[in-house]
């Protein structure tokens, strides 16, 4: 079963709960924290470069560099995200467009420059590996808090800031799949 453990730092918490600190909000459930985290992460737009280091079981590294564009949709919940790979050469130009739909299935398109084609992924492709990583397309598009059961494991300091440690497990077999 997939399990994610997330540490939400006081910096993020201060954005969500300002001016309260983590230690001052024991009344929040783990679900409340995850819901607030979900909504505070919604930005009107974002442009960023990212780097991934892929390390295999022999310790060999490969770096992937990408440009990312994110735009919040009119409903204030869903994002449209474009990720275009800049390196390494074997995946340069590969791009993914992910459009979230709160009321239904998300759309995912992949552009493969070697084939000169764009391919729309269907729901069953969400389990496929994302450009050679251990992540799936489903991991990349993200999860809604309501799809998971959340448990507050503990609070702990991270860089001197009180933080929540929350465990999230799939709420049903469909999410787990």
N, C-alpha and C. Protein backbone atom coordinates (compact mmCIF):
# COMPACT_ATOMS: atom_id res chain seq x y z
N UNK A 1 0.84 -1.17 0.00
CA UNK A 1 0.00 0.00 0.00
C UNK A 1 0.88 1.24 0.00
N UNK A 2 0.49 2.22 -0.75
CA UNK A 2 1.23 3.49 -0.78
C UNK A 2 0.94 4.28 0.47
N UNK A 3 1.98 4.91 0.97
CA UNK A 3 1.85 5.71 2.18
C UNK A 3 2.76 6.91 2.02
N UNK A 4 2.26 8.08 2.34
CA UNK A 4 3.06 9.28 2.27
C UNK A 4 3.12 9.90 3.66
N UNK A 5 4.29 10.35 4.03
CA UNK A 5 4.46 11.06 5.28
C UNK A 5 4.90 12.46 4.90
N UNK A 6 4.21 13.43 5.40
CA UNK A 6 4.45 14.81 5.02
C UNK A 6 4.75 15.62 6.27
N UNK A 7 5.78 16.45 6.18
CA UNK A 7 6.08 17.36 7.27
C UNK A 7 5.73 18.76 6.78
N UNK A 8 4.79 19.39 7.47
CA UNK A 8 4.38 20.74 7.13
C UNK A 8 5.05 21.69 8.11
N UNK A 9 5.89 22.52 7.60
CA UNK A 9 6.64 23.40 8.49
C UNK A 9 5.81 24.59 8.92
N UNK A 10 6.30 25.22 9.97
CA UNK A 10 5.65 26.41 10.50
C UNK A 10 5.59 27.54 9.50
N UNK A 11 6.54 27.59 8.55
CA UNK A 11 6.49 28.64 7.53
C UNK A 11 5.24 28.47 6.70
N UNK A 12 4.99 27.26 6.22
CA UNK A 12 3.78 26.98 5.47
C UNK A 12 2.57 27.17 6.36
N UNK A 13 2.68 26.69 7.58
CA UNK A 13 1.57 26.83 8.51
C UNK A 13 1.25 28.30 8.76
N UNK A 14 2.26 29.14 8.82
CA UNK A 14 2.00 30.56 9.06
C UNK A 14 1.26 31.17 7.89
N UNK A 15 1.51 30.68 6.68
CA UNK A 15 0.75 31.15 5.53
C UNK A 15 -0.71 30.72 5.65
N UNK A 16 -0.91 29.50 6.12
CA UNK A 16 -2.25 28.96 6.23
C UNK A 16 -3.02 29.56 7.39
N UNK A 17 -2.35 29.80 8.49
CA UNK A 17 -3.03 30.07 9.74
C UNK A 17 -2.72 31.43 10.33
N UNK A 18 -1.95 32.25 9.64
CA UNK A 18 -1.47 33.50 10.20
C UNK A 18 -2.55 34.16 11.02
N UNK A 19 -2.21 34.67 12.21
CA UNK A 19 -0.89 34.72 12.81
C UNK A 19 -0.61 33.56 13.76
N UNK A 20 -1.44 32.51 13.78
CA UNK A 20 -1.25 31.41 14.71
C UNK A 20 -0.06 30.55 14.32
N UNK A 21 0.59 29.96 15.30
CA UNK A 21 1.69 29.03 15.06
C UNK A 21 1.17 27.61 15.21
N UNK A 22 1.93 26.65 14.73
CA UNK A 22 1.53 25.25 14.81
C UNK A 22 1.18 24.85 16.23
N UNK A 23 2.02 25.19 17.17
CA UNK A 23 1.81 24.80 18.56
C UNK A 23 0.53 25.40 19.13
N UNK A 24 0.08 26.51 18.57
CA UNK A 24 -1.11 27.19 19.07
C UNK A 24 -2.39 26.67 18.44
N UNK A 25 -2.32 25.62 17.60
CA UNK A 25 -3.51 25.17 16.89
C UNK A 25 -3.77 23.68 17.07
N UNK A 26 -3.80 23.18 18.31
CA UNK A 26 -4.01 21.75 18.52
C UNK A 26 -5.40 21.30 18.11
N UNK A 27 -6.35 22.23 17.97
CA UNK A 27 -7.72 21.88 17.61
C UNK A 27 -7.86 21.45 16.16
N UNK A 28 -6.88 21.71 15.33
CA UNK A 28 -6.97 21.31 13.93
C UNK A 28 -6.74 19.81 13.78
N UNK A 29 -7.59 19.18 13.00
CA UNK A 29 -7.39 17.76 12.70
C UNK A 29 -6.36 17.65 11.58
N UNK A 30 -5.84 16.45 11.39
CA UNK A 30 -4.90 16.22 10.27
C UNK A 30 -5.58 16.56 8.95
N UNK A 31 -6.84 16.23 8.82
CA UNK A 31 -7.59 16.55 7.59
C UNK A 31 -7.68 18.06 7.39
N UNK A 32 -7.95 18.80 8.47
CA UNK A 32 -8.01 20.26 8.38
C UNK A 32 -6.68 20.82 7.87
N UNK A 33 -5.59 20.32 8.43
CA UNK A 33 -4.26 20.78 8.02
C UNK A 33 -4.05 20.50 6.54
N UNK A 34 -4.39 19.30 6.08
CA UNK A 34 -4.17 18.94 4.68
C UNK A 34 -5.07 19.75 3.75
N UNK A 35 -6.29 20.02 4.16
CA UNK A 35 -7.19 20.86 3.35
C UNK A 35 -6.61 22.27 3.21
N UNK A 36 -6.16 22.82 4.33
CA UNK A 36 -5.58 24.17 4.29
C UNK A 36 -4.29 24.19 3.47
N UNK A 37 -3.49 23.14 3.60
CA UNK A 37 -2.27 23.03 2.80
C UNK A 37 -2.60 22.99 1.32
N UNK A 38 -3.63 22.24 0.96
CA UNK A 38 -4.07 22.14 -0.43
C UNK A 38 -4.42 23.51 -1.00
N UNK A 39 -5.21 24.27 -0.26
CA UNK A 39 -5.67 25.55 -0.78
C UNK A 39 -4.60 26.64 -0.74
N UNK A 40 -3.71 26.61 0.26
CA UNK A 40 -2.68 27.64 0.31
C UNK A 40 -1.66 27.45 -0.80
N UNK A 41 -1.56 26.24 -1.32
CA UNK A 41 -0.59 25.98 -2.39
C UNK A 41 -1.09 26.42 -3.76
N UNK A 42 -2.33 26.88 -3.84
CA UNK A 42 -2.89 27.33 -5.11
C UNK A 42 -2.42 28.75 -5.40
N UNK A 43 -1.66 28.90 -6.47
CA UNK A 43 -1.16 30.20 -6.88
C UNK A 43 -1.79 30.59 -8.20
N UNK A 44 -1.99 31.88 -8.41
CA UNK A 44 -2.60 32.35 -9.65
C UNK A 44 -1.77 31.91 -10.85
N UNK A 45 -0.47 32.05 -10.75
CA UNK A 45 0.42 31.58 -11.81
C UNK A 45 1.81 31.39 -11.24
N UNK A 46 2.60 30.56 -11.92
CA UNK A 46 3.94 30.26 -11.47
C UNK A 46 4.79 29.88 -12.67
N UNK A 47 6.01 30.35 -12.67
CA UNK A 47 7.01 29.92 -13.65
C UNK A 47 8.24 29.55 -12.84
N UNK A 48 8.76 28.34 -13.08
CA UNK A 48 9.90 27.88 -12.30
C UNK A 48 10.74 26.92 -13.13
N UNK A 49 12.01 26.84 -12.75
CA UNK A 49 12.88 25.80 -13.29
C UNK A 49 13.10 24.80 -12.19
N UNK A 50 13.11 23.53 -12.55
CA UNK A 50 13.34 22.51 -11.54
C UNK A 50 14.42 21.55 -12.00
N UNK A 51 15.01 20.89 -11.01
CA UNK A 51 16.06 19.91 -11.25
C UNK A 51 15.69 18.64 -10.50
N UNK A 52 15.85 17.51 -11.15
CA UNK A 52 15.65 16.21 -10.51
C UNK A 52 16.94 15.44 -10.64
N UNK A 53 17.38 14.84 -9.57
CA UNK A 53 18.50 13.92 -9.61
C UNK A 53 17.92 12.52 -9.48
N UNK A 54 18.09 11.71 -10.50
CA UNK A 54 17.64 10.32 -10.48
C UNK A 54 18.83 9.47 -10.13
N UNK A 55 18.70 8.66 -9.09
CA UNK A 55 19.80 7.82 -8.63
C UNK A 55 19.33 6.37 -8.70
N UNK A 56 20.08 5.55 -9.45
CA UNK A 56 19.68 4.15 -9.55
C UNK A 56 20.26 3.34 -8.39
N UNK A 57 19.97 2.05 -8.37
CA UNK A 57 20.40 1.21 -7.26
C UNK A 57 21.91 1.03 -7.18
N UNK A 58 22.64 1.42 -8.23
CA UNK A 58 24.11 1.37 -8.22
C UNK A 58 24.73 2.71 -7.83
N UNK A 59 23.87 3.68 -7.52
CA UNK A 59 24.37 4.99 -7.12
C UNK A 59 24.66 5.93 -8.28
N UNK A 60 24.37 5.51 -9.50
CA UNK A 60 24.61 6.38 -10.66
C UNK A 60 23.52 7.44 -10.73
N UNK A 61 23.95 8.68 -11.04
CA UNK A 61 23.03 9.82 -11.08
C UNK A 61 22.79 10.30 -12.50
N UNK A 62 21.54 10.75 -12.72
CA UNK A 62 21.18 11.47 -13.95
C UNK A 62 20.39 12.68 -13.53
N UNK A 63 20.72 13.81 -14.09
CA UNK A 63 20.00 15.04 -13.76
C UNK A 63 19.00 15.34 -14.87
N UNK A 64 17.82 15.78 -14.47
CA UNK A 64 16.82 16.24 -15.42
C UNK A 64 16.47 17.68 -15.04
N UNK A 65 16.47 18.53 -16.04
CA UNK A 65 16.17 19.95 -15.84
C UNK A 65 14.91 20.27 -16.64
N UNK A 66 14.01 21.04 -16.03
CA UNK A 66 12.77 21.38 -16.73
C UNK A 66 12.33 22.80 -16.41
N UNK A 67 11.50 23.32 -17.29
CA UNK A 67 10.80 24.58 -17.08
C UNK A 67 9.36 24.24 -16.80
N UNK A 68 8.78 24.88 -15.81
CA UNK A 68 7.41 24.58 -15.38
C UNK A 68 6.57 25.84 -15.38
N UNK A 69 5.39 25.72 -15.94
CA UNK A 69 4.41 26.81 -15.93
C UNK A 69 3.14 26.28 -15.29
N UNK A 70 2.57 27.06 -14.36
CA UNK A 70 1.34 26.66 -13.70
C UNK A 70 0.38 27.83 -13.74
N UNK A 71 -0.88 27.55 -14.06
CA UNK A 71 -1.91 28.58 -14.06
C UNK A 71 -3.14 28.04 -13.34
N UNK A 72 -3.62 28.80 -12.37
CA UNK A 72 -4.82 28.44 -11.62
C UNK A 72 -6.04 28.68 -12.51
N UNK A 73 -6.93 27.71 -12.56
CA UNK A 73 -8.13 27.83 -13.37
C UNK A 73 -9.16 28.72 -12.66
N UNK A 74 -10.19 29.11 -13.39
CA UNK A 74 -11.17 30.06 -12.86
C UNK A 74 -11.89 29.58 -11.60
N UNK A 75 -12.00 28.26 -11.40
CA UNK A 75 -12.70 27.76 -10.22
C UNK A 75 -11.87 27.90 -8.94
N UNK A 76 -10.60 28.33 -9.06
CA UNK A 76 -9.74 28.55 -7.89
C UNK A 76 -9.24 27.28 -7.24
N UNK A 77 -9.49 26.12 -7.84
CA UNK A 77 -9.08 24.83 -7.28
C UNK A 77 -8.12 24.11 -8.22
N UNK A 78 -8.48 24.08 -9.49
CA UNK A 78 -7.72 23.29 -10.46
C UNK A 78 -6.59 24.09 -11.10
N UNK A 79 -5.51 23.37 -11.42
CA UNK A 79 -4.37 23.95 -12.10
C UNK A 79 -4.23 23.38 -13.50
N UNK A 80 -3.65 24.16 -14.37
CA UNK A 80 -3.14 23.66 -15.65
C UNK A 80 -1.63 23.79 -15.52
N UNK A 81 -0.91 22.68 -15.78
CA UNK A 81 0.54 22.67 -15.61
C UNK A 81 1.23 22.17 -16.86
N UNK A 82 2.22 22.92 -17.29
CA UNK A 82 3.05 22.52 -18.42
C UNK A 82 4.47 22.35 -17.92
N UNK A 83 5.05 21.18 -18.19
CA UNK A 83 6.44 20.91 -17.82
C UNK A 83 7.17 20.51 -19.09
N UNK A 84 8.22 21.26 -19.41
CA UNK A 84 9.04 20.96 -20.60
C UNK A 84 10.46 20.68 -20.15
N UNK A 85 10.99 19.54 -20.59
CA UNK A 85 12.34 19.14 -20.20
C UNK A 85 13.39 19.82 -21.07
N UNK A 86 14.41 20.35 -20.40
CA UNK A 86 15.50 21.05 -21.08
C UNK A 86 16.73 20.16 -21.23
N UNK A 87 16.89 19.18 -20.33
CA UNK A 87 18.00 18.23 -20.40
C UNK A 87 17.64 17.02 -19.56
N UNK A 88 18.28 15.89 -19.82
CA UNK A 88 19.37 15.61 -20.74
C UNK A 88 18.86 15.51 -22.19
N UNK A 89 19.80 15.33 -23.07
CA UNK A 89 19.50 15.36 -24.50
C UNK A 89 18.45 14.33 -24.91
N UNK A 90 18.46 13.14 -24.30
CA UNK A 90 17.54 12.08 -24.73
C UNK A 90 16.07 12.39 -24.43
N UNK A 91 15.79 13.31 -23.51
CA UNK A 91 14.40 13.69 -23.26
C UNK A 91 14.15 15.18 -23.50
N UNK A 92 15.16 15.90 -23.97
CA UNK A 92 15.01 17.34 -24.23
C UNK A 92 13.83 17.57 -25.17
N UNK A 93 12.97 18.52 -24.80
CA UNK A 93 11.80 18.84 -25.59
C UNK A 93 10.56 18.05 -25.21
N UNK A 94 10.73 16.97 -24.44
CA UNK A 94 9.57 16.22 -23.97
C UNK A 94 8.76 17.15 -23.06
N UNK A 95 7.45 17.14 -23.22
CA UNK A 95 6.61 18.03 -22.43
C UNK A 95 5.37 17.29 -21.96
N UNK A 96 4.87 17.70 -20.80
CA UNK A 96 3.61 17.19 -20.30
C UNK A 96 2.70 18.37 -19.98
N UNK A 97 1.45 18.23 -20.35
CA UNK A 97 0.42 19.21 -20.02
C UNK A 97 -0.60 18.48 -19.17
N UNK A 98 -0.81 18.96 -17.96
CA UNK A 98 -1.76 18.34 -17.04
C UNK A 98 -2.80 19.37 -16.66
N UNK A 99 -4.06 19.01 -16.87
CA UNK A 99 -5.16 19.90 -16.53
C UNK A 99 -6.06 19.17 -15.54
N UNK A 100 -6.15 19.73 -14.35
CA UNK A 100 -6.97 19.14 -13.30
C UNK A 100 -8.44 19.49 -13.51
N UNK A 101 -9.31 18.57 -13.11
CA UNK A 101 -10.77 18.78 -13.16
C UNK A 101 -11.36 18.30 -11.85
N UNK A 102 -11.78 19.24 -11.01
CA UNK A 102 -12.30 18.89 -9.68
C UNK A 102 -13.48 17.93 -9.76
N UNK A 103 -14.29 18.06 -10.77
CA UNK A 103 -15.49 17.23 -10.88
C UNK A 103 -15.32 15.96 -11.68
N UNK A 104 -14.11 15.66 -12.14
CA UNK A 104 -13.94 14.47 -12.97
C UNK A 104 -12.49 14.11 -13.17
N UNK A 105 -12.25 13.33 -14.21
CA UNK A 105 -10.90 12.87 -14.51
C UNK A 105 -10.03 14.01 -15.04
N UNK A 106 -8.79 14.01 -14.60
CA UNK A 106 -7.84 15.01 -15.07
C UNK A 106 -7.37 14.64 -16.48
N UNK A 107 -6.94 15.66 -17.23
CA UNK A 107 -6.40 15.44 -18.57
C UNK A 107 -4.89 15.52 -18.52
N UNK A 108 -4.23 14.57 -19.20
CA UNK A 108 -2.77 14.57 -19.28
C UNK A 108 -2.38 14.31 -20.73
N UNK A 109 -1.54 15.19 -21.26
CA UNK A 109 -0.99 15.02 -22.60
C UNK A 109 0.52 14.99 -22.50
N UNK A 110 1.14 14.18 -23.34
CA UNK A 110 2.59 14.08 -23.38
C UNK A 110 3.03 14.34 -24.82
N UNK A 111 3.99 15.26 -24.98
CA UNK A 111 4.58 15.50 -26.29
C UNK A 111 5.93 14.80 -26.33
N UNK A 112 6.12 13.93 -27.32
CA UNK A 112 7.36 13.18 -27.49
C UNK A 112 8.06 13.67 -28.75
N UNK A 113 9.11 14.49 -28.60
CA UNK A 113 9.74 15.11 -29.76
C UNK A 113 10.37 14.09 -30.73
N UNK A 114 10.87 12.97 -30.23
CA UNK A 114 11.49 11.98 -31.12
C UNK A 114 10.48 11.43 -32.11
N UNK A 115 9.21 11.37 -31.69
CA UNK A 115 8.16 10.87 -32.57
C UNK A 115 7.40 12.01 -33.24
N UNK A 116 7.61 13.22 -32.75
CA UNK A 116 6.88 14.38 -33.29
C UNK A 116 5.39 14.28 -33.03
N UNK A 117 5.01 13.62 -31.93
CA UNK A 117 3.58 13.39 -31.67
C UNK A 117 3.21 13.76 -30.24
N UNK A 118 1.95 14.13 -30.09
CA UNK A 118 1.37 14.35 -28.78
C UNK A 118 0.44 13.19 -28.49
N UNK A 119 0.51 12.68 -27.28
CA UNK A 119 -0.31 11.54 -26.89
C UNK A 119 -1.12 11.91 -25.66
N UNK A 120 -2.41 11.65 -25.71
CA UNK A 120 -3.27 11.87 -24.54
C UNK A 120 -3.27 10.60 -23.72
N UNK A 121 -3.01 10.74 -22.42
CA UNK A 121 -3.00 9.59 -21.55
C UNK A 121 -4.40 9.34 -21.01
N UNK A 122 -4.76 8.09 -20.90
CA UNK A 122 -6.04 7.72 -20.31
C UNK A 122 -5.82 7.38 -18.84
N UNK A 123 -6.91 7.19 -18.13
CA UNK A 123 -6.82 6.97 -16.67
C UNK A 123 -5.88 5.83 -16.32
N UNK A 124 -5.85 4.77 -17.10
CA UNK A 124 -4.98 3.63 -16.77
C UNK A 124 -3.50 3.99 -16.89
N UNK A 125 -3.16 5.03 -17.65
CA UNK A 125 -1.77 5.46 -17.78
C UNK A 125 -1.26 6.21 -16.56
N UNK A 126 -2.12 6.59 -15.65
CA UNK A 126 -1.69 7.34 -14.47
C UNK A 126 -0.75 6.53 -13.60
N UNK A 127 -0.72 5.20 -13.80
CA UNK A 127 0.19 4.33 -13.04
C UNK A 127 1.56 4.25 -13.69
N UNK A 128 1.68 4.71 -14.94
CA UNK A 128 2.95 4.62 -15.66
C UNK A 128 4.01 5.52 -15.04
N UNK A 129 5.27 5.12 -15.18
CA UNK A 129 6.39 5.90 -14.66
C UNK A 129 6.49 7.22 -15.41
N UNK A 130 6.74 8.28 -14.66
CA UNK A 130 6.87 9.62 -15.22
C UNK A 130 8.32 9.85 -15.64
N UNK A 131 8.56 9.93 -16.94
CA UNK A 131 9.87 10.16 -17.57
C UNK A 131 11.03 9.48 -16.85
N UNK A 132 10.86 8.20 -16.61
CA UNK A 132 11.96 7.41 -16.06
C UNK A 132 12.20 7.57 -14.57
N UNK A 133 11.26 8.16 -13.84
CA UNK A 133 11.43 8.33 -12.40
C UNK A 133 10.62 7.26 -11.66
N UNK A 134 10.70 7.26 -10.34
CA UNK A 134 9.87 6.36 -9.53
C UNK A 134 8.47 6.93 -9.33
N UNK A 135 8.23 8.15 -9.78
CA UNK A 135 6.91 8.75 -9.68
C UNK A 135 6.04 8.26 -10.82
N UNK A 136 4.74 8.23 -10.59
CA UNK A 136 3.79 7.92 -11.66
C UNK A 136 3.18 9.25 -12.13
N UNK A 137 2.49 9.21 -13.27
CA UNK A 137 1.79 10.41 -13.72
C UNK A 137 0.74 10.83 -12.69
N UNK A 138 0.13 9.85 -12.04
CA UNK A 138 -0.84 10.16 -10.98
C UNK A 138 -0.21 10.90 -9.82
N UNK A 139 1.04 10.54 -9.47
CA UNK A 139 1.75 11.25 -8.40
C UNK A 139 2.00 12.70 -8.80
N UNK A 140 2.37 12.89 -10.05
CA UNK A 140 2.74 14.23 -10.52
C UNK A 140 1.52 15.15 -10.57
N UNK A 141 0.39 14.63 -11.04
CA UNK A 141 -0.79 15.49 -11.12
C UNK A 141 -1.29 15.84 -9.73
N UNK A 142 -1.01 14.97 -8.78
CA UNK A 142 -1.34 15.29 -7.39
C UNK A 142 -2.62 14.62 -6.93
N UNK A 143 -2.90 14.83 -5.67
CA UNK A 143 -4.04 14.19 -5.03
C UNK A 143 -4.83 15.22 -4.25
N UNK A 144 -6.12 15.02 -4.20
CA UNK A 144 -6.97 15.89 -3.39
C UNK A 144 -7.02 15.33 -1.97
N UNK A 145 -7.07 16.19 -0.97
CA UNK A 145 -7.08 15.71 0.42
C UNK A 145 -8.22 14.74 0.70
N UNK A 146 -9.35 14.90 0.04
CA UNK A 146 -10.51 14.03 0.28
C UNK A 146 -10.28 12.60 -0.19
N UNK A 147 -9.26 12.38 -1.02
CA UNK A 147 -8.95 11.03 -1.51
C UNK A 147 -8.13 10.21 -0.51
N UNK A 148 -7.77 10.82 0.60
CA UNK A 148 -6.86 10.19 1.55
C UNK A 148 -7.41 10.27 2.96
N UNK A 149 -6.97 9.34 3.79
CA UNK A 149 -7.23 9.40 5.23
C UNK A 149 -5.95 9.91 5.87
N UNK A 150 -6.07 10.93 6.69
CA UNK A 150 -4.91 11.60 7.25
C UNK A 150 -4.86 11.39 8.76
N UNK A 151 -3.65 11.17 9.25
CA UNK A 151 -3.45 11.01 10.69
C UNK A 151 -2.26 11.85 11.12
N UNK A 152 -2.47 12.62 12.18
CA UNK A 152 -1.38 13.40 12.76
C UNK A 152 -0.52 12.45 13.58
N UNK A 153 0.72 12.24 13.14
CA UNK A 153 1.64 11.35 13.85
C UNK A 153 2.29 12.03 15.03
N UNK A 154 2.71 13.28 14.80
CA UNK A 154 3.39 14.01 15.87
C UNK A 154 3.68 15.43 15.38
N UNK A 155 4.13 16.25 16.28
CA UNK A 155 4.69 17.54 15.90
C UNK A 155 6.17 17.46 16.22
N UNK A 156 6.97 18.16 15.43
CA UNK A 156 8.41 18.17 15.68
C UNK A 156 8.99 19.43 15.06
N UNK A 157 10.11 19.87 15.62
CA UNK A 157 10.74 21.06 15.04
C UNK A 157 11.51 20.70 13.76
N UNK A 158 11.38 21.56 12.77
CA UNK A 158 12.16 21.47 11.53
C UNK A 158 12.84 22.82 11.39
N UNK A 159 14.16 22.82 11.44
CA UNK A 159 14.93 24.07 11.42
C UNK A 159 14.44 25.04 12.50
N UNK A 160 14.09 24.48 13.66
CA UNK A 160 13.67 25.31 14.78
C UNK A 160 12.23 25.79 14.72
N UNK A 161 11.46 25.32 13.76
CA UNK A 161 10.07 25.76 13.61
C UNK A 161 9.16 24.56 13.88
N UNK A 162 8.15 24.73 14.76
CA UNK A 162 7.22 23.65 15.04
C UNK A 162 6.51 23.23 13.76
N UNK A 163 6.39 21.92 13.56
CA UNK A 163 5.82 21.38 12.32
C UNK A 163 4.97 20.16 12.63
N UNK A 164 4.01 19.87 11.74
CA UNK A 164 3.19 18.67 11.84
C UNK A 164 3.81 17.58 10.98
N UNK A 165 3.74 16.35 11.45
CA UNK A 165 4.09 15.18 10.65
C UNK A 165 2.77 14.43 10.46
N UNK A 166 2.34 14.33 9.22
CA UNK A 166 1.04 13.74 8.90
C UNK A 166 1.24 12.55 7.98
N UNK A 167 0.58 11.45 8.31
CA UNK A 167 0.60 10.27 7.45
C UNK A 167 -0.71 10.25 6.67
N UNK A 168 -0.60 10.01 5.36
CA UNK A 168 -1.78 9.95 4.50
C UNK A 168 -1.80 8.60 3.79
N UNK A 169 -2.92 7.91 3.89
CA UNK A 169 -3.10 6.63 3.20
C UNK A 169 -4.34 6.74 2.33
N UNK A 170 -4.38 5.98 1.22
CA UNK A 170 -5.54 6.06 0.32
C UNK A 170 -6.84 5.77 1.05
N UNK A 171 -7.88 6.52 0.71
CA UNK A 171 -9.17 6.37 1.36
C UNK A 171 -9.95 5.15 0.85
N UNK A 172 -9.60 4.69 -0.36
CA UNK A 172 -10.32 3.55 -0.94
C UNK A 172 -9.42 2.85 -1.96
N UNK A 173 -9.82 1.68 -2.42
CA UNK A 173 -8.98 0.92 -3.37
C UNK A 173 -8.74 1.66 -4.69
N UNK A 174 -9.68 2.46 -5.14
CA UNK A 174 -9.49 3.20 -6.40
C UNK A 174 -8.34 4.20 -6.29
N UNK A 175 -8.26 4.89 -5.17
CA UNK A 175 -7.16 5.84 -4.97
C UNK A 175 -5.85 5.09 -4.84
N UNK A 176 -5.86 3.98 -4.14
CA UNK A 176 -4.66 3.18 -3.97
C UNK A 176 -4.15 2.70 -5.33
N UNK A 177 -5.06 2.34 -6.19
CA UNK A 177 -4.71 1.85 -7.52
C UNK A 177 -4.07 2.96 -8.33
